[in-house]
């Protein structure tokens, strides 16, 4: 699928006529088009609807204000559209081994014990309670369980 913006980005140094949604006509030479279809032009003749023309050296037109582009008849569309059909080859991302954290199920006690440098057996870990609100980075032994 060919994206219009990708095609317009290739129109640098082409003289075009752009009609805006408010009826204004802009004639000029494209210096660049960005991904939001904002079009940058030079040597412009701006013709507001119902007013006299104004000449400008340079101008940018916001993409969402453009109704349509009028391209010159001499423009060879086939050469501009040739490589737009080929999809871009993106580099592969490294695969993720596991999610970085849980989703609200509380801390992993074994990981927490390792973080605070405790050697805790699984039996001791079962008897260890964590009070996250009072001691967020410490393992606290509950005296009634021991």
C-alpha atoms as a PDB file:
ATOM      1  CA  UNK A   1       0.000   0.000   0.000  1.00  0.00           C
ATOM      2  CA  UNK A   2       1.370   3.400  -0.995  1.00  0.00           C
ATOM      3  CA  UNK A   3       1.119   6.163   1.582  1.00  0.00           C
ATOM      4  CA  UNK A   4       0.327   9.594   0.207  1.00  0.00           C
ATOM      5  CA  UNK A   5       2.755  11.300   2.561  1.00  0.00           C
ATOM      6  CA  UNK A   6       5.659   9.143   1.333  1.00  0.00           C
ATOM      7  CA  UNK A   7       4.819  10.147  -2.233  1.00  0.00           C
ATOM      8  CA  UNK A   8       4.619  13.847  -1.316  1.00  0.00           C
ATOM      9  CA  UNK A   9       7.982  13.674   0.445  1.00  0.00           C
ATOM     10  CA  UNK A  10       9.572  12.895  -2.922  1.00  0.00           C
ATOM     11  CA  UNK A  11       8.227  16.076  -4.539  1.00  0.00           C
ATOM     12  CA  UNK A  12      11.099  18.330  -3.430  1.00  0.00           C
ATOM     13  CA  UNK A  13      11.922  21.118  -5.922  1.00  0.00           C
ATOM     14  CA  UNK A  14       8.633  20.602  -7.808  1.00  0.00           C
ATOM     15  CA  UNK A  15       6.347  23.561  -8.529  1.00  0.00           C
ATOM     16  CA  UNK A  16       2.847  22.784  -7.289  1.00  0.00           C
ATOM     17  CA  UNK A  17      -0.426  24.459  -6.532  1.00  0.00           C
ATOM     18  CA  UNK A  18      -2.071  23.675  -3.181  1.00  0.00           C
ATOM     19  CA  UNK A  19      -5.674  24.466  -2.382  1.00  0.00           C
ATOM     20  CA  UNK A  20      -6.461  24.866   1.291  1.00  0.00           C
ATOM     21  CA  UNK A  21      -9.714  24.026   3.045  1.00  0.00           C
ATOM     22  CA  UNK A  22     -10.537  27.729   3.459  1.00  0.00           C
ATOM     23  CA  UNK A  23     -10.351  28.286  -0.325  1.00  0.00           C
ATOM     24  CA  UNK A  24      -6.903  29.902  -0.390  1.00  0.00           C
ATOM     25  CA  UNK A  25      -4.617  28.814  -3.229  1.00  0.00           C
ATOM     26  CA  UNK A  26      -0.849  28.552  -2.684  1.00  0.00           C
ATOM     27  CA  UNK A  27       1.484  28.314  -5.697  1.00  0.00           C
ATOM     28  CA  UNK A  28       5.148  27.600  -5.059  1.00  0.00           C
ATOM     29  CA  UNK A  29       8.103  25.228  -5.119  1.00  0.00           C
ATOM     30  CA  UNK A  30       8.183  22.476  -2.499  1.00  0.00           C
ATOM     31  CA  UNK A  31      11.290  22.435  -0.318  1.00  0.00           C
ATOM     32  CA  UNK A  32      10.059  19.582   1.867  1.00  0.00           C
ATOM     33  CA  UNK A  33       7.122  17.622   3.250  1.00  0.00           C
ATOM     34  CA  UNK A  34       7.167  15.969   6.683  1.00  0.00           C
ATOM     35  CA  UNK A  35       5.256  12.930   7.963  1.00  0.00           C
ATOM     36  CA  UNK A  36       2.352  15.091   9.191  1.00  0.00           C
ATOM     37  CA  UNK A  37       1.986  16.371   5.586  1.00  0.00           C
ATOM     38  CA  UNK A  38       3.196  19.825   6.640  1.00  0.00           C
ATOM     39  CA  UNK A  39       4.482  21.302   3.384  1.00  0.00           C
ATOM     40  CA  UNK A  40       7.340  23.798   3.218  1.00  0.00           C
ATOM     41  CA  UNK A  41       7.505  25.972   0.093  1.00  0.00           C
ATOM     42  CA  UNK A  42       9.656  28.726  -1.450  1.00  0.00           C
ATOM     43  CA  UNK A  43       8.890  31.496  -4.004  1.00  0.00           C
ATOM     44  CA  UNK A  44       5.198  31.568  -3.180  1.00  0.00           C
ATOM     45  CA  UNK A  45       2.216  33.290  -4.670  1.00  0.00           C
ATOM     46  CA  UNK A  46      -0.543  33.213  -2.051  1.00  0.00           C
ATOM     47  CA  UNK A  47      -4.054  33.872  -3.373  1.00  0.00           C
ATOM     48  CA  UNK A  48      -6.589  34.188  -0.527  1.00  0.00           C
ATOM     49  CA  UNK A  49     -10.213  33.597  -1.546  1.00  0.00           C
ATOM     50  CA  UNK A  50     -11.767  36.898  -2.648  1.00  0.00           C
ATOM     51  CA  UNK A  51      -8.564  38.943  -2.150  1.00  0.00           C
ATOM     52  CA  UNK A  52      -5.570  40.094  -4.149  1.00  0.00           C
ATOM     53  CA  UNK A  53      -2.471  37.816  -4.460  1.00  0.00           C
ATOM     54  CA  UNK A  54       0.514  38.145  -2.129  1.00  0.00           C
ATOM     55  CA  UNK A  55       4.107  37.098  -2.936  1.00  0.00           C
ATOM     56  CA  UNK A  56       6.266  35.468  -0.245  1.00  0.00           C
ATOM     57  CA  UNK A  57       9.804  34.076  -0.132  1.00  0.00           C
ATOM     58  CA  UNK A  58       8.991  31.033   1.979  1.00  0.00           C
ATOM     59  CA  UNK A  59       6.023  29.516   3.761  1.00  0.00           C
ATOM     60  CA  UNK A  60       4.886  26.395   5.597  1.00  0.00           C
ATOM     61  CA  UNK A  61       1.378  24.982   5.286  1.00  0.00           C
ATOM     62  CA  UNK A  62       0.049  22.778   8.063  1.00  0.00           C
ATOM     63  CA  UNK A  63      -0.932  19.371   6.709  1.00  0.00           C
ATOM     64  CA  UNK A  64      -4.482  19.235   8.053  1.00  0.00           C
ATOM     65  CA  UNK A  65      -5.355  22.507   6.263  1.00  0.00           C
ATOM     66  CA  UNK A  66      -4.600  21.114   2.792  1.00  0.00           C
ATOM     67  CA  UNK A  67      -7.576  20.150   0.623  1.00  0.00           C
ATOM     68  CA  UNK A  68      -5.555  18.961  -2.377  1.00  0.00           C
ATOM     69  CA  UNK A  69      -2.333  19.282  -4.380  1.00  0.00           C
ATOM     70  CA  UNK A  70      -2.397  20.174  -8.062  1.00  0.00           C
ATOM     71  CA  UNK A  71       0.689  18.599  -9.628  1.00  0.00           C
ATOM     72  CA  UNK A  72       2.296  19.739 -12.903  1.00  0.00           C
ATOM     73  CA  UNK A  73       1.462  17.706 -16.033  1.00  0.00           C
ATOM     74  CA  UNK A  74       5.173  17.264 -16.755  1.00  0.00           C
ATOM     75  CA  UNK A  75       5.668  15.254 -13.544  1.00  0.00           C
ATOM     76  CA  UNK A  76       6.545  11.606 -14.231  1.00  0.00           C
ATOM     77  CA  UNK A  77       4.484   9.748 -11.614  1.00  0.00           C
ATOM     78  CA  UNK A  78       5.789   6.291 -12.561  1.00  0.00           C
ATOM     79  CA  UNK A  79       9.341   7.077 -11.452  1.00  0.00           C
ATOM     80  CA  UNK A  80       8.138   8.533  -8.149  1.00  0.00           C
ATOM     81  CA  UNK A  81       5.851   5.593  -7.371  1.00  0.00           C
ATOM     82  CA  UNK A  82       8.321   2.789  -8.247  1.00  0.00           C
ATOM     83  CA  UNK A  83      10.017   2.197  -4.912  1.00  0.00           C
ATOM     84  CA  UNK A  84       7.060   3.210  -2.733  1.00  0.00           C
ATOM     85  CA  UNK A  85       5.433  -0.224  -3.189  1.00  0.00           C
ATOM     86  CA  UNK A  86       8.358  -2.026  -1.564  1.00  0.00           C
ATOM     87  CA  UNK A  87       7.861  -2.397   2.196  1.00  0.00           C
ATOM     88  CA  UNK A  88      10.565  -1.108   4.490  1.00  0.00           C
ATOM     89  CA  UNK A  89      12.783  -3.728   6.078  1.00  0.00           C
ATOM     90  CA  UNK A  90      12.906  -3.074   9.788  1.00  0.00           C
ATOM     91  CA  UNK A  91      15.589  -4.495  12.045  1.00  0.00           C
ATOM     92  CA  UNK A  92      14.371  -7.280  14.299  1.00  0.00           C
ATOM     93  CA  UNK A  93      13.973  -6.563  17.981  1.00  0.00           C
ATOM     94  CA  UNK A  94      15.605  -8.856  20.482  1.00  0.00           C
ATOM     95  CA  UNK A  95      13.059 -11.232  21.961  1.00  0.00           C
ATOM     96  CA  UNK A  96      11.979 -10.688  25.529  1.00  0.00           C
ATOM     97  CA  UNK A  97      12.559 -13.538  27.919  1.00  0.00           C
ATOM     98  CA  UNK A  98      10.098 -12.555  30.624  1.00  0.00           C
ATOM     99  CA  UNK A  99       8.092  -9.617  31.793  1.00  0.00           C
ATOM    100  CA  UNK A 100      10.080  -7.257  34.007  1.00  0.00           C
ATOM    101  CA  UNK A 101       7.600  -7.231  36.872  1.00  0.00           C
ATOM    102  CA  UNK A 102       4.360  -8.540  38.251  1.00  0.00           C
ATOM    103  CA  UNK A 103       0.953  -7.005  37.917  1.00  0.00           C
ATOM    104  CA  UNK A 104      -0.128  -6.142  41.434  1.00  0.00           C
ATOM    105  CA  UNK A 105       0.440  -9.559  42.990  1.00  0.00           C
ATOM    106  CA  UNK A 106       2.905  -8.333  45.567  1.00  0.00           C
ATOM    107  CA  UNK A 107       6.670  -8.707  45.631  1.00  0.00           C
ATOM    108  CA  UNK A 108       8.489 -11.936  44.964  1.00  0.00           C
ATOM    109  CA  UNK A 109       9.857 -12.794  48.417  1.00  0.00           C
ATOM    110  CA  UNK A 110      12.796 -14.793  47.092  1.00  0.00           C
ATOM    111  CA  UNK A 111      13.827 -11.888  44.894  1.00  0.00           C
ATOM    112  CA  UNK A 112      13.393  -9.469  47.775  1.00  0.00           C
ATOM    113  CA  UNK A 113      15.486 -11.670  50.068  1.00  0.00           C
ATOM    114  CA  UNK A 114      18.210 -11.711  47.459  1.00  0.00           C
ATOM    115  CA  UNK A 115      18.033  -7.931  47.108  1.00  0.00           C
ATOM    116  CA  UNK A 116      18.577  -7.313  50.817  1.00  0.00           C
ATOM    117  CA  UNK A 117      21.332  -9.974  50.990  1.00  0.00           C
ATOM    118  CA  UNK A 118      19.613 -12.554  53.167  1.00  0.00           C
ATOM    119  CA  UNK A 119      20.212 -16.263  53.010  1.00  0.00           C
ATOM    120  CA  UNK A 120      16.730 -17.483  53.691  1.00  0.00           C
ATOM    121  CA  UNK A 121      15.558 -21.048  53.292  1.00  0.00           C
ATOM    122  CA  UNK A 122      12.161 -21.719  51.763  1.00  0.00           C
ATOM    123  CA  UNK A 123      10.889 -22.777  55.173  1.00  0.00           C
ATOM    124  CA  UNK A 124      11.924 -19.506  56.730  1.00  0.00           C
ATOM    125  CA  UNK A 125      10.512 -17.651  53.773  1.00  0.00           C
ATOM    126  CA  UNK A 126       7.093 -19.182  54.423  1.00  0.00           C
ATOM    127  CA  UNK A 127       7.186 -17.808  57.946  1.00  0.00           C
ATOM    128  CA  UNK A 128       8.301 -14.374  56.841  1.00  0.00           C
ATOM    129  CA  UNK A 129       5.801 -11.655  56.262  1.00  0.00           C
ATOM    130  CA  UNK A 130       6.398  -8.471  54.434  1.00  0.00           C
ATOM    131  CA  UNK A 131       4.821  -5.245  55.526  1.00  0.00           C
ATOM    132  CA  UNK A 132       5.192  -3.202  52.377  1.00  0.00           C
ATOM    133  CA  UNK A 133       3.556  -0.077  53.701  1.00  0.00           C
ATOM    134  CA  UNK A 134       5.787   0.167  56.780  1.00  0.00           C
ATOM    135  CA  UNK A 135       9.043  -1.315  55.488  1.00  0.00           C
ATOM    136  CA  UNK A 136       9.078  -1.288  51.698  1.00  0.00           C
ATOM    137  CA  UNK A 137      12.657  -2.561  51.245  1.00  0.00           C
ATOM    138  CA  UNK A 138      13.025  -4.894  54.209  1.00  0.00           C
ATOM    139  CA  UNK A 139      11.909  -8.364  55.156  1.00  0.00           C
ATOM    140  CA  UNK A 140      10.309  -8.246  58.584  1.00  0.00           C
ATOM    141  CA  UNK A 141       9.832 -11.346  60.678  1.00  0.00           C
ATOM    142  CA  UNK A 142       6.479 -11.441  62.337  1.00  0.00           C
ATOM    143  CA  UNK A 143       7.040 -12.381  66.030  1.00  0.00           C
ATOM    144  CA  UNK A 144       3.818 -14.403  66.413  1.00  0.00           C
ATOM    145  CA  UNK A 145       4.696 -16.805  63.591  1.00  0.00           C
ATOM    146  CA  UNK A 146       8.225 -17.535  64.809  1.00  0.00           C
END
